Amino acid sequence: MNRSIILTTLLMGFTAQALALGDVQRGEAKSASCAACHGADGNSAAGAFPKLAGQNARYLIKQLNDVQSGNRSIPQMAGQLDGKTAQDFEDIAAYYAAQKSSYGQANSDLVKLGESIYRAGIKDKGVSACTACHSPTGQGNAPAGMPALGGQHAEYTAAQLKAFRLGADQPAKGRVNDGESRMMRDTASRLSDLEIDAVSSYISGLHP
């Protein structure tokens, strides 16, 4: 192949990649309306709203697309993403991914159970360890789009696990945007309320 053609092809690839990357500064401006619930830097004050700071961009973009398309129902976000473009989502995701997440403190009464579930799963129930997808330190797997969990509000994490559990049996009422693998629905369906609360509490205090 001609060298000039190779060079042109490479440049086109790099340009496409550059265009696909979000801009942090633009993302900060575009996320201004999100601050009321998620905090100016993505560290929400209320446990009902997720911390977005430090979350990997690939996961955030997927969730934004799912909410916009209706594949993930969040009543509090009704209308918030209307008119937003793919570039808007990339910019917003880049901004939050660049922020530093704050961390909570696990309930001492639930630490032992929560740590056991997170690191070893529950063999008798067929529950896999959370570390397989979300890493031992809760930082997730950015290239694979697996979300960071460490430091997330226990209230929010527990609510999502229960939503996935409901989605396993009643798709129209629960959360179902975990893909065809049903990884989260199948996992959550095997967890009791106590186990969900314990692992959610443990996650809130988990950090590198």
N, C-alpha and C. Protein backbone atom coordinates (compact mmCIF):
# COMPACT_ATOMS: atom_id res chain seq x y z
N MET A 1 0.85 -1.20 0.00
CA MET A 1 0.00 0.00 0.00
C MET A 1 0.89 1.25 0.00
N ASN A 2 0.49 2.26 -0.75
CA ASN A 2 1.21 3.52 -0.83
C ASN A 2 1.34 4.16 0.56
N ARG A 3 2.56 4.71 0.85
CA ARG A 3 2.80 5.30 2.17
C ARG A 3 1.84 6.44 2.49
N SER A 4 1.54 7.24 1.48
CA SER A 4 0.62 8.38 1.70
C SER A 4 -0.77 7.90 2.06
N ILE A 5 -1.18 6.77 1.46
CA ILE A 5 -2.50 6.22 1.78
C ILE A 5 -2.51 5.70 3.21
N ILE A 6 -1.41 5.04 3.58
CA ILE A 6 -1.31 4.52 4.96
C ILE A 6 -1.37 5.67 5.96
N LEU A 7 -0.60 6.74 5.68
CA LEU A 7 -0.57 7.88 6.57
C LEU A 7 -1.95 8.53 6.68
N THR A 8 -2.61 8.67 5.54
CA THR A 8 -3.95 9.27 5.55
C THR A 8 -4.93 8.43 6.36
N THR A 9 -4.83 7.11 6.20
CA THR A 9 -5.71 6.21 6.93
C THR A 9 -5.48 6.32 8.44
N LEU A 10 -4.20 6.39 8.81
CA LEU A 10 -3.87 6.51 10.24
C LEU A 10 -4.38 7.82 10.81
N LEU A 11 -4.18 8.89 10.05
CA LEU A 11 -4.63 10.20 10.50
C LEU A 11 -6.14 10.24 10.66
N MET A 12 -6.84 9.61 9.72
CA MET A 12 -8.30 9.56 9.81
C MET A 12 -8.73 8.80 11.06
N GLY A 13 -8.00 7.72 11.37
CA GLY A 13 -8.31 6.94 12.57
C GLY A 13 -8.10 7.74 13.83
N PHE A 14 -6.96 8.46 13.87
CA PHE A 14 -6.67 9.27 15.05
C PHE A 14 -7.68 10.39 15.21
N THR A 15 -8.07 11.00 14.06
CA THR A 15 -9.05 12.08 14.11
C THR A 15 -10.39 11.58 14.62
N ALA A 16 -10.81 10.41 14.13
CA ALA A 16 -12.09 9.83 14.57
C ALA A 16 -12.05 9.54 16.05
N GLN A 17 -10.87 9.03 16.51
CA GLN A 17 -10.75 8.72 17.93
C GLN A 17 -10.82 10.00 18.75
N ALA A 18 -10.15 11.06 18.26
CA ALA A 18 -10.15 12.33 18.99
C ALA A 18 -11.55 12.89 19.10
N LEU A 19 -12.31 12.79 17.99
CA LEU A 19 -13.67 13.31 18.01
C LEU A 19 -14.57 12.51 18.94
N ALA A 20 -14.21 11.25 19.17
CA ALA A 20 -15.05 10.40 20.01
C ALA A 20 -14.81 10.64 21.49
N LEU A 21 -13.70 11.35 21.80
CA LEU A 21 -13.37 11.59 23.19
C LEU A 21 -14.11 12.83 23.69
N GLY A 22 -14.56 12.77 24.93
CA GLY A 22 -15.26 13.91 25.50
C GLY A 22 -14.29 14.99 25.95
N ASP A 23 -14.80 16.21 26.08
CA ASP A 23 -14.01 17.35 26.52
C ASP A 23 -14.43 17.71 27.94
N VAL A 24 -13.48 17.70 28.86
CA VAL A 24 -13.77 17.93 30.28
C VAL A 24 -14.35 19.32 30.52
N GLN A 25 -13.76 20.33 29.92
CA GLN A 25 -14.25 21.69 30.15
C GLN A 25 -15.66 21.89 29.61
N ARG A 26 -15.91 21.38 28.42
CA ARG A 26 -17.27 21.46 27.88
C ARG A 26 -18.23 20.66 28.75
N GLY A 27 -17.74 19.52 29.24
CA GLY A 27 -18.58 18.68 30.09
C GLY A 27 -18.96 19.36 31.38
N GLU A 28 -18.06 20.14 31.93
CA GLU A 28 -18.37 20.86 33.17
C GLU A 28 -19.52 21.83 32.96
N ALA A 29 -19.46 22.54 31.84
CA ALA A 29 -20.54 23.49 31.54
C ALA A 29 -21.85 22.77 31.27
N LYS A 30 -21.77 21.67 30.54
CA LYS A 30 -22.99 20.94 30.18
C LYS A 30 -23.62 20.21 31.36
N SER A 31 -22.84 19.96 32.41
CA SER A 31 -23.35 19.23 33.56
C SER A 31 -23.89 20.15 34.66
N ALA A 32 -23.92 21.44 34.39
CA ALA A 32 -24.35 22.40 35.41
C ALA A 32 -25.73 22.06 35.98
N SER A 33 -26.64 21.64 35.12
CA SER A 33 -28.00 21.33 35.59
C SER A 33 -28.04 20.04 36.41
N CYS A 34 -26.99 19.23 36.31
CA CYS A 34 -26.94 17.96 37.05
C CYS A 34 -26.54 18.17 38.51
N ALA A 35 -25.94 19.33 38.78
CA ALA A 35 -25.37 19.59 40.10
C ALA A 35 -26.40 19.56 41.23
N ALA A 36 -27.62 19.92 40.93
CA ALA A 36 -28.65 19.96 41.98
C ALA A 36 -28.83 18.61 42.67
N CYS A 37 -28.70 17.54 41.91
CA CYS A 37 -28.87 16.20 42.48
C CYS A 37 -27.53 15.48 42.72
N HIS A 38 -26.58 15.70 41.80
CA HIS A 38 -25.34 14.92 41.84
C HIS A 38 -24.15 15.67 42.41
N GLY A 39 -24.36 16.95 42.78
CA GLY A 39 -23.27 17.74 43.32
C GLY A 39 -22.46 18.38 42.21
N ALA A 40 -21.87 19.52 42.48
CA ALA A 40 -21.12 20.25 41.46
C ALA A 40 -19.96 19.44 40.89
N ASP A 41 -19.34 18.63 41.75
CA ASP A 41 -18.20 17.81 41.30
C ASP A 41 -18.56 16.35 41.15
N GLY A 42 -19.84 16.05 41.19
CA GLY A 42 -20.28 14.67 41.04
C GLY A 42 -20.37 13.88 42.32
N ASN A 43 -20.11 14.53 43.45
CA ASN A 43 -20.25 13.86 44.74
C ASN A 43 -21.54 14.32 45.40
N SER A 44 -22.60 13.58 45.15
CA SER A 44 -23.91 13.97 45.66
C SER A 44 -23.97 13.92 47.17
N ALA A 45 -24.76 14.80 47.74
CA ALA A 45 -24.89 14.87 49.19
C ALA A 45 -25.94 13.89 49.71
N ALA A 46 -26.96 13.62 48.90
CA ALA A 46 -28.06 12.75 49.32
C ALA A 46 -27.83 11.32 48.82
N GLY A 47 -28.09 10.37 49.71
CA GLY A 47 -27.86 8.97 49.39
C GLY A 47 -28.75 8.42 48.29
N ALA A 48 -29.84 9.09 48.00
CA ALA A 48 -30.75 8.62 46.95
C ALA A 48 -30.19 8.89 45.55
N PHE A 49 -29.24 9.83 45.47
CA PHE A 49 -28.67 10.19 44.18
C PHE A 49 -27.23 9.68 44.08
N PRO A 50 -26.89 9.01 42.98
CA PRO A 50 -25.55 8.42 42.89
C PRO A 50 -24.42 9.44 42.77
N LYS A 51 -23.29 9.08 43.34
CA LYS A 51 -22.07 9.83 43.09
C LYS A 51 -21.60 9.45 41.68
N LEU A 52 -21.27 10.45 40.89
CA LEU A 52 -20.80 10.23 39.53
C LEU A 52 -19.30 10.49 39.40
N ALA A 53 -18.74 11.18 40.36
CA ALA A 53 -17.31 11.52 40.33
C ALA A 53 -16.45 10.26 40.29
N GLY A 54 -15.52 10.22 39.36
CA GLY A 54 -14.61 9.10 39.25
C GLY A 54 -15.16 7.90 38.52
N GLN A 55 -16.40 8.00 38.10
CA GLN A 55 -17.00 6.88 37.36
C GLN A 55 -16.41 6.84 35.95
N ASN A 56 -16.21 5.63 35.42
CA ASN A 56 -15.59 5.57 34.09
C ASN A 56 -16.56 6.05 33.02
N ALA A 57 -15.99 6.73 32.03
CA ALA A 57 -16.79 7.39 31.00
C ALA A 57 -17.64 6.42 30.19
N ARG A 58 -17.09 5.27 29.88
CA ARG A 58 -17.83 4.31 29.06
C ARG A 58 -19.13 3.90 29.74
N TYR A 59 -19.06 3.64 31.04
CA TYR A 59 -20.26 3.25 31.78
C TYR A 59 -21.26 4.42 31.83
N LEU A 60 -20.76 5.61 32.10
CA LEU A 60 -21.65 6.77 32.19
C LEU A 60 -22.37 7.02 30.87
N ILE A 61 -21.65 6.90 29.76
CA ILE A 61 -22.26 7.12 28.45
C ILE A 61 -23.37 6.11 28.20
N LYS A 62 -23.13 4.86 28.56
CA LYS A 62 -24.16 3.84 28.39
C LYS A 62 -25.41 4.17 29.20
N GLN A 63 -25.21 4.58 30.45
CA GLN A 63 -26.37 4.89 31.29
C GLN A 63 -27.13 6.10 30.77
N LEU A 64 -26.42 7.10 30.30
CA LEU A 64 -27.08 8.27 29.74
C LEU A 64 -27.91 7.89 28.51
N ASN A 65 -27.33 7.07 27.67
CA ASN A 65 -28.07 6.60 26.49
C ASN A 65 -29.28 5.76 26.89
N ASP A 66 -29.11 4.91 27.90
CA ASP A 66 -30.22 4.06 28.34
C ASP A 66 -31.36 4.88 28.93
N VAL A 67 -31.01 5.92 29.68
CA VAL A 67 -32.05 6.78 30.26
C VAL A 67 -32.77 7.54 29.15
N GLN A 68 -32.00 8.08 28.22
CA GLN A 68 -32.60 8.84 27.13
C GLN A 68 -33.52 7.98 26.28
N SER A 69 -33.12 6.73 26.04
CA SER A 69 -33.92 5.84 25.18
C SER A 69 -35.09 5.20 25.92
N GLY A 70 -35.07 5.27 27.25
CA GLY A 70 -36.11 4.64 28.04
C GLY A 70 -35.77 3.23 28.47
N ASN A 71 -34.58 2.78 28.11
CA ASN A 71 -34.17 1.43 28.50
C ASN A 71 -33.88 1.34 29.99
N ARG A 72 -33.62 2.49 30.60
CA ARG A 72 -33.50 2.57 32.06
C ARG A 72 -34.40 3.68 32.54
N SER A 73 -35.33 3.33 33.40
CA SER A 73 -36.31 4.31 33.88
C SER A 73 -35.85 4.95 35.18
N ILE A 74 -35.68 6.28 35.14
CA ILE A 74 -35.36 7.05 36.35
C ILE A 74 -36.32 8.24 36.35
N PRO A 75 -37.43 8.16 37.08
CA PRO A 75 -38.43 9.23 37.06
C PRO A 75 -37.86 10.61 37.33
N GLN A 76 -36.86 10.70 38.23
CA GLN A 76 -36.28 12.01 38.57
C GLN A 76 -35.56 12.64 37.40
N MET A 77 -35.21 11.84 36.39
CA MET A 77 -34.49 12.39 35.24
C MET A 77 -35.38 12.60 34.03
N ALA A 78 -36.66 12.49 34.22
CA ALA A 78 -37.60 12.70 33.10
C ALA A 78 -37.37 14.07 32.47
N GLY A 79 -37.09 14.08 31.19
CA GLY A 79 -36.90 15.33 30.46
C GLY A 79 -35.51 15.93 30.56
N GLN A 80 -34.70 15.44 31.49
CA GLN A 80 -33.39 16.05 31.71
C GLN A 80 -32.43 15.85 30.53
N LEU A 81 -32.63 14.78 29.78
CA LEU A 81 -31.70 14.48 28.69
C LEU A 81 -32.30 14.74 27.31
N ASP A 82 -33.47 15.32 27.29
CA ASP A 82 -34.11 15.63 26.01
C ASP A 82 -33.21 16.55 25.19
N GLY A 83 -33.00 16.18 23.93
CA GLY A 83 -32.21 17.03 23.05
C GLY A 83 -30.71 16.87 23.17
N LYS A 84 -30.25 16.08 24.12
CA LYS A 84 -28.82 15.89 24.29
C LYS A 84 -28.27 14.99 23.17
N THR A 85 -27.07 15.31 22.71
CA THR A 85 -26.44 14.56 21.62
C THR A 85 -25.40 13.58 22.17
N ALA A 86 -24.89 12.74 21.29
CA ALA A 86 -23.84 11.80 21.68
C ALA A 86 -22.61 12.55 22.17
N GLN A 87 -22.30 13.69 21.53
CA GLN A 87 -21.14 14.48 21.97
C GLN A 87 -21.38 15.08 23.35
N ASP A 88 -22.61 15.50 23.63
CA ASP A 88 -22.95 16.01 24.96
C ASP A 88 -22.68 14.94 26.01
N PHE A 89 -23.12 13.72 25.74
CA PHE A 89 -22.91 12.63 26.68
C PHE A 89 -21.43 12.35 26.89
N GLU A 90 -20.65 12.39 25.82
CA GLU A 90 -19.22 12.13 25.93
C GLU A 90 -18.54 13.22 26.75
N ASP A 91 -18.96 14.46 26.56
CA ASP A 91 -18.37 15.56 27.31
C ASP A 91 -18.73 15.48 28.80
N ILE A 92 -19.99 15.23 29.08
CA ILE A 92 -20.45 15.12 30.47
C ILE A 92 -19.75 13.96 31.17
N ALA A 93 -19.66 12.83 30.47
CA ALA A 93 -19.00 11.65 31.04
C ALA A 93 -17.53 11.92 31.30
N ALA A 94 -16.87 12.63 30.39
CA ALA A 94 -15.45 12.95 30.55
C ALA A 94 -15.25 13.83 31.79
N TYR A 95 -16.16 14.76 32.00
CA TYR A 95 -16.04 15.65 33.17
C TYR A 95 -16.15 14.87 34.47
N TYR A 96 -17.18 14.05 34.58
CA TYR A 96 -17.35 13.31 35.83
C TYR A 96 -16.24 12.28 36.04
N ALA A 97 -15.78 11.67 34.96
CA ALA A 97 -14.70 10.67 35.08
C ALA A 97 -13.41 11.31 35.60
N ALA A 98 -13.25 12.60 35.34
CA ALA A 98 -12.03 13.29 35.74
C ALA A 98 -12.07 13.78 37.19
N GLN A 99 -13.23 13.68 37.83
CA GLN A 99 -13.37 14.16 39.20
C GLN A 99 -12.97 13.06 40.21
N LYS A 100 -12.65 13.49 41.40
CA LYS A 100 -12.26 12.54 42.45
C LYS A 100 -13.46 12.21 43.33
N SER A 101 -13.70 10.94 43.49
CA SER A 101 -14.84 10.50 44.29
C SER A 101 -14.54 10.60 45.79
N SER A 102 -15.57 10.93 46.54
CA SER A 102 -15.45 10.91 48.00
C SER A 102 -15.83 9.50 48.47
N TYR A 103 -15.52 9.20 49.72
CA TYR A 103 -15.81 7.86 50.24
C TYR A 103 -16.57 7.96 51.55
N GLY A 104 -17.39 6.94 51.81
CA GLY A 104 -18.16 6.90 53.04
C GLY A 104 -17.52 5.98 54.06
N GLN A 105 -18.31 5.54 55.00
CA GLN A 105 -17.82 4.63 56.04
C GLN A 105 -18.84 3.51 56.22
N ALA A 106 -18.37 2.29 56.11
CA ALA A 106 -19.26 1.14 56.22
C ALA A 106 -19.79 0.97 57.64
N ASN A 107 -20.98 0.40 57.75
CA ASN A 107 -21.57 0.07 59.04
C ASN A 107 -20.77 -1.08 59.64
N SER A 108 -20.19 -0.85 60.81
CA SER A 108 -19.32 -1.86 61.43
C SER A 108 -20.04 -3.18 61.68
N ASP A 109 -21.35 -3.11 61.89
CA ASP A 109 -22.11 -4.34 62.15
C ASP A 109 -22.29 -5.19 60.89
N LEU A 110 -22.08 -4.58 59.73
CA LEU A 110 -22.32 -5.29 58.47
C LEU A 110 -21.04 -5.57 57.68
N VAL A 111 -19.91 -5.08 58.19
CA VAL A 111 -18.66 -5.18 57.44
C VAL A 111 -18.27 -6.62 57.12
N LYS A 112 -18.33 -7.49 58.11
CA LYS A 112 -17.88 -8.87 57.90
C LYS A 112 -18.67 -9.56 56.80
N LEU A 113 -19.99 -9.45 56.86
CA LEU A 113 -20.83 -10.08 55.84
C LEU A 113 -20.64 -9.40 54.49
N GLY A 114 -20.61 -8.08 54.50
CA GLY A 114 -20.46 -7.34 53.25
C GLY A 114 -19.15 -7.63 52.55
N GLU A 115 -18.07 -7.69 53.32
CA GLU A 115 -16.76 -7.99 52.73
C GLU A 115 -16.72 -9.40 52.16
N SER A 116 -17.33 -10.34 52.87
CA SER A 116 -17.36 -11.72 52.42
C SER A 116 -18.08 -11.84 51.08
N ILE A 117 -19.21 -11.17 50.95
CA ILE A 117 -19.97 -11.22 49.69
C ILE A 117 -19.19 -10.55 48.57
N TYR A 118 -18.63 -9.38 48.86
CA TYR A 118 -17.92 -8.64 47.82
C TYR A 118 -16.70 -9.40 47.31
N ARG A 119 -15.96 -10.00 48.22
CA ARG A 119 -14.68 -10.63 47.85
C ARG A 119 -14.79 -12.12 47.51
N ALA A 120 -15.78 -12.79 48.05
CA ALA A 120 -15.87 -14.23 47.81
C ALA A 120 -17.20 -14.69 47.24
N GLY A 121 -18.19 -13.82 47.22
CA GLY A 121 -19.51 -14.21 46.75
C GLY A 121 -20.20 -15.09 47.78
N ILE A 122 -21.21 -15.82 47.35
CA ILE A 122 -21.92 -16.76 48.23
C ILE A 122 -22.04 -18.07 47.46
N LYS A 123 -21.15 -18.97 47.75
CA LYS A 123 -21.06 -20.21 46.98
C LYS A 123 -22.36 -20.99 46.97
N ASP A 124 -23.00 -21.13 48.14
CA ASP A 124 -24.23 -21.92 48.24
C ASP A 124 -25.38 -21.36 47.39
N LYS A 125 -25.32 -20.06 47.10
CA LYS A 125 -26.37 -19.42 46.31
C LYS A 125 -25.96 -19.18 44.86
N GLY A 126 -24.74 -19.53 44.55
CA GLY A 126 -24.27 -19.30 43.18
C GLY A 126 -24.01 -17.84 42.89
N VAL A 127 -23.66 -17.08 43.93
CA VAL A 127 -23.36 -15.65 43.76
C VAL A 127 -21.85 -15.47 43.60
N SER A 128 -21.45 -14.88 42.50
CA SER A 128 -20.03 -14.65 42.24
C SER A 128 -19.51 -13.46 43.02
N ALA A 129 -18.22 -13.44 43.25
CA ALA A 129 -17.59 -12.31 43.93
C ALA A 129 -17.72 -11.05 43.08
N CYS A 130 -17.98 -9.94 43.74
CA CYS A 130 -18.13 -8.66 43.03
C CYS A 130 -16.80 -8.21 42.43
N THR A 131 -15.69 -8.68 43.02
CA THR A 131 -14.36 -8.27 42.56
C THR A 131 -14.11 -8.65 41.11
N ALA A 132 -14.76 -9.69 40.63
CA ALA A 132 -14.52 -10.17 39.27
C ALA A 132 -14.78 -9.08 38.23
N CYS A 133 -15.79 -8.26 38.46
CA CYS A 133 -16.13 -7.19 37.51
C CYS A 133 -15.77 -5.80 38.02
N HIS A 134 -15.83 -5.63 39.35
CA HIS A 134 -15.69 -4.29 39.91
C HIS A 134 -14.35 -4.03 40.59
N SER A 135 -13.44 -5.02 40.55
CA SER A 135 -12.07 -4.94 41.07
C SER A 135 -12.05 -5.01 42.59
N PRO A 136 -10.95 -5.49 43.14
CA PRO A 136 -10.83 -5.61 44.61
C PRO A 136 -10.97 -4.28 45.34
N THR A 137 -10.61 -3.19 44.67
CA THR A 137 -10.68 -1.88 45.32
C THR A 137 -11.94 -1.11 44.94
N GLY A 138 -12.81 -1.74 44.16
CA GLY A 138 -14.06 -1.08 43.79
C GLY A 138 -13.94 -0.08 42.66
N GLN A 139 -12.83 -0.13 41.92
CA GLN A 139 -12.60 0.86 40.85
C GLN A 139 -13.20 0.44 39.52
N GLY A 140 -13.77 -0.74 39.47
CA GLY A 140 -14.41 -1.19 38.24
C GLY A 140 -13.41 -1.60 37.17
N ASN A 141 -13.89 -1.68 35.94
CA ASN A 141 -13.06 -2.04 34.79
C ASN A 141 -13.46 -1.10 33.66
N ALA A 142 -12.74 0.00 33.55
CA ALA A 142 -13.10 1.05 32.58
C ALA A 142 -13.15 0.56 31.14
N PRO A 143 -12.14 -0.17 30.65
CA PRO A 143 -12.19 -0.62 29.25
C PRO A 143 -13.40 -1.49 28.94
N ALA A 144 -13.84 -2.26 29.94
CA ALA A 144 -14.98 -3.14 29.73
C ALA A 144 -16.30 -2.46 30.07
N GLY A 145 -16.23 -1.23 30.58
CA GLY A 145 -17.44 -0.51 30.94
C GLY A 145 -18.09 -0.98 32.22
N MET A 146 -17.31 -1.69 33.05
CA MET A 146 -17.83 -2.14 34.34
C MET A 146 -17.69 -1.00 35.36
N PRO A 147 -18.77 -0.61 36.00
CA PRO A 147 -18.73 0.60 36.83
C PRO A 147 -17.88 0.50 38.08
N ALA A 148 -17.33 1.64 38.45
CA ALA A 148 -16.67 1.77 39.74
C ALA A 148 -17.76 1.83 40.80
N LEU A 149 -17.54 1.16 41.91
CA LEU A 149 -18.53 1.13 42.99
C LEU A 149 -18.02 1.77 44.27
N GLY A 150 -16.71 1.72 44.49
CA GLY A 150 -16.14 2.16 45.75
C GLY A 150 -16.55 3.57 46.13
N GLY A 151 -17.05 3.73 47.36
CA GLY A 151 -17.46 5.03 47.87
C GLY A 151 -18.88 5.42 47.56
N GLN A 152 -19.56 4.62 46.75
CA GLN A 152 -20.94 4.95 46.38
C GLN A 152 -21.84 4.89 47.62
N HIS A 153 -22.84 5.75 47.66
CA HIS A 153 -23.79 5.75 48.77
C HIS A 153 -24.40 4.36 48.94
N ALA A 154 -24.42 3.86 50.16
CA ALA A 154 -25.01 2.55 50.43
C ALA A 154 -26.48 2.54 50.06
N GLU A 155 -27.17 3.63 50.32
CA GLU A 155 -28.60 3.72 50.01
C GLU A 155 -28.84 3.53 48.51
N TYR A 156 -28.02 4.19 47.70
CA TYR A 156 -28.18 4.10 46.26
C TYR A 156 -27.85 2.71 45.74
N THR A 157 -26.73 2.14 46.20
CA THR A 157 -26.33 0.81 45.73
C THR A 157 -27.38 -0.22 46.08
N ALA A 158 -27.89 -0.15 47.31
CA ALA A 158 -28.93 -1.10 47.74
C ALA A 158 -30.18 -0.96 46.88
N ALA A 159 -30.54 0.28 46.56
CA ALA A 159 -31.73 0.51 45.74
C ALA A 159 -31.57 -0.09 44.34
N GLN A 160 -30.37 0.01 43.79
CA GLN A 160 -30.13 -0.54 42.45
C GLN A 160 -30.13 -2.07 42.46
N LEU A 161 -29.54 -2.66 43.49
CA LEU A 161 -29.56 -4.12 43.60
C LEU A 161 -30.99 -4.64 43.72
N LYS A 162 -31.79 -3.94 44.49
CA LYS A 162 -33.19 -4.35 44.65
C LYS A 162 -33.98 -4.13 43.35
N ALA A 163 -33.61 -3.09 42.60
CA ALA A 163 -34.26 -2.84 41.32
C ALA A 163 -33.90 -3.94 40.32
N PHE A 164 -32.64 -4.38 40.33
CA PHE A 164 -32.23 -5.49 39.47
C PHE A 164 -32.93 -6.78 39.90
N ARG A 165 -33.06 -6.97 41.19
CA ARG A 165 -33.73 -8.17 41.70
C ARG A 165 -35.18 -8.20 41.24
N LEU A 166 -35.84 -7.05 41.29
CA LEU A 166 -37.21 -6.96 40.83
C LEU A 166 -37.28 -7.19 39.32
N GLY A 167 -36.29 -6.66 38.61
CA GLY A 167 -36.26 -6.81 37.16
C GLY A 167 -36.09 -8.24 36.69
N ALA A 168 -35.53 -9.09 37.57
CA ALA A 168 -35.34 -10.49 37.20
C ALA A 168 -36.67 -11.20 37.02
N ASP A 169 -37.66 -10.81 37.81
CA ASP A 169 -38.97 -11.45 37.75
C ASP A 169 -40.04 -10.58 37.09
N GLN A 170 -39.90 -9.28 37.24
CA GLN A 170 -40.88 -8.36 36.68
C GLN A 170 -40.17 -7.27 35.88
N PRO A 171 -39.77 -7.59 34.67
CA PRO A 171 -39.00 -6.64 33.85
C PRO A 171 -39.64 -5.26 33.70
N ALA A 172 -40.94 -5.22 33.66
CA ALA A 172 -41.61 -3.94 33.46
C ALA A 172 -41.53 -3.04 34.69
N LYS A 173 -41.21 -3.61 35.84
CA LYS A 173 -41.19 -2.84 37.08
C LYS A 173 -39.79 -2.62 37.63
N GLY A 174 -38.83 -3.47 37.23
CA GLY A 174 -37.49 -3.37 37.77
C GLY A 174 -36.49 -2.85 36.76
N ARG A 175 -35.22 -2.93 37.13
CA ARG A 175 -34.14 -2.48 36.26
C ARG A 175 -33.63 -3.65 35.42
N VAL A 176 -33.48 -3.42 34.13
CA VAL A 176 -33.13 -4.52 33.22
C VAL A 176 -31.99 -4.17 32.27
N ASN A 177 -31.31 -3.06 32.46
CA ASN A 177 -30.31 -2.64 31.47
C ASN A 177 -28.91 -3.19 31.77
N ASP A 178 -28.87 -4.47 32.17
CA ASP A 178 -27.59 -5.14 32.38
C ASP A 178 -27.23 -6.06 31.22
N GLY A 179 -27.95 -5.93 30.11
CA GLY A 179 -27.63 -6.68 28.91
C GLY A 179 -28.18 -8.09 28.90
N GLU A 180 -27.87 -8.78 27.81
CA GLU A 180 -28.39 -10.13 27.63
C GLU A 180 -27.81 -11.12 28.63
N SER A 181 -26.67 -10.80 29.18
CA SER A 181 -26.05 -11.71 30.17
C SER A 181 -26.86 -11.78 31.47
N ARG A 182 -27.63 -10.72 31.75
CA ARG A 182 -28.44 -10.64 32.97
C ARG A 182 -27.58 -10.81 34.23
N MET A 183 -26.34 -10.42 34.14
CA MET A 183 -25.42 -10.62 35.25
C MET A 183 -25.94 -10.03 36.56
N MET A 184 -26.37 -8.78 36.52
CA MET A 184 -26.81 -8.14 37.75
C MET A 184 -28.18 -8.64 38.20
N ARG A 185 -29.06 -8.90 37.26
CA ARG A 185 -30.38 -9.42 37.64
C ARG A 185 -30.25 -10.81 38.29
N ASP A 186 -29.44 -11.65 37.67
CA ASP A 186 -29.27 -13.00 38.22
C ASP A 186 -28.59 -12.97 39.59
N THR A 187 -27.61 -12.09 39.73
CA THR A 187 -26.90 -11.97 41.01
C THR A 187 -27.83 -11.43 42.08
N ALA A 188 -28.48 -10.32 41.79
CA ALA A 188 -29.35 -9.68 42.79
C ALA A 188 -30.52 -10.56 43.18
N SER A 189 -31.01 -11.38 42.25
CA SER A 189 -32.16 -12.24 42.55
C SER A 189 -31.85 -13.28 43.62
N ARG A 190 -30.56 -13.51 43.86
CA ARG A 190 -30.14 -14.52 44.84
C ARG A 190 -29.77 -13.90 46.19
N LEU A 191 -29.89 -12.60 46.30
CA LEU A 191 -29.50 -11.91 47.53
C LEU A 191 -30.71 -11.51 48.37
N SER A 192 -30.58 -11.70 49.68
CA SER A 192 -31.63 -11.26 50.61
C SER A 192 -31.46 -9.77 50.88
N ASP A 193 -32.44 -9.17 51.52
CA ASP A 193 -32.34 -7.76 51.89
C ASP A 193 -31.12 -7.52 52.77
N LEU A 194 -30.88 -8.40 53.73
CA LEU A 194 -29.73 -8.24 54.62
C LEU A 194 -28.43 -8.31 53.83
N GLU A 195 -28.33 -9.24 52.91
CA GLU A 195 -27.10 -9.38 52.12
C GLU A 195 -26.88 -8.17 51.22
N ILE A 196 -27.96 -7.64 50.67
CA ILE A 196 -27.87 -6.44 49.85
C ILE A 196 -27.41 -5.26 50.70
N ASP A 197 -28.00 -5.10 51.86
CA ASP A 197 -27.62 -3.99 52.73
C ASP A 197 -26.16 -4.11 53.18
N ALA A 198 -25.72 -5.33 53.45
CA ALA A 198 -24.35 -5.55 53.93
C ALA A 198 -23.33 -5.23 52.85
N VAL A 199 -23.53 -5.75 51.65
CA VAL A 199 -22.54 -5.51 50.59
C VAL A 199 -22.58 -4.04 50.14
N SER A 200 -23.75 -3.42 50.18
CA SER A 200 -23.86 -2.00 49.82
C SER A 200 -23.13 -1.13 50.83
N SER A 201 -23.26 -1.48 52.10
CA SER A 201 -22.57 -0.75 53.16
C SER A 201 -21.06 -0.89 53.00
N TYR A 202 -20.61 -2.11 52.74
CA TYR A 202 -19.18 -2.36 52.57
C TYR A 202 -18.62 -1.56 51.41
N ILE A 203 -19.35 -1.52 50.32
CA ILE A 203 -18.93 -0.78 49.13
C ILE A 203 -18.78 0.71 49.42
N SER A 204 -19.65 1.25 50.27
CA SER A 204 -19.60 2.70 50.54
C SER A 204 -18.27 3.12 51.17
N GLY A 205 -17.64 2.20 51.88
CA GLY A 205 -16.36 2.54 52.52
C GLY A 205 -15.17 2.01 51.76
N LEU A 206 -15.39 1.40 50.61
CA LEU A 206 -14.31 0.77 49.84
C LEU A 206 -13.58 1.80 49.00
N HIS A 207 -12.26 1.81 49.11
CA HIS A 207 -11.44 2.72 48.31
C HIS A 207 -10.01 2.19 48.21
N PRO A 208 -9.26 2.68 47.22
CA PRO A 208 -7.89 2.19 47.01
C PRO A 208 -7.01 2.42 48.25
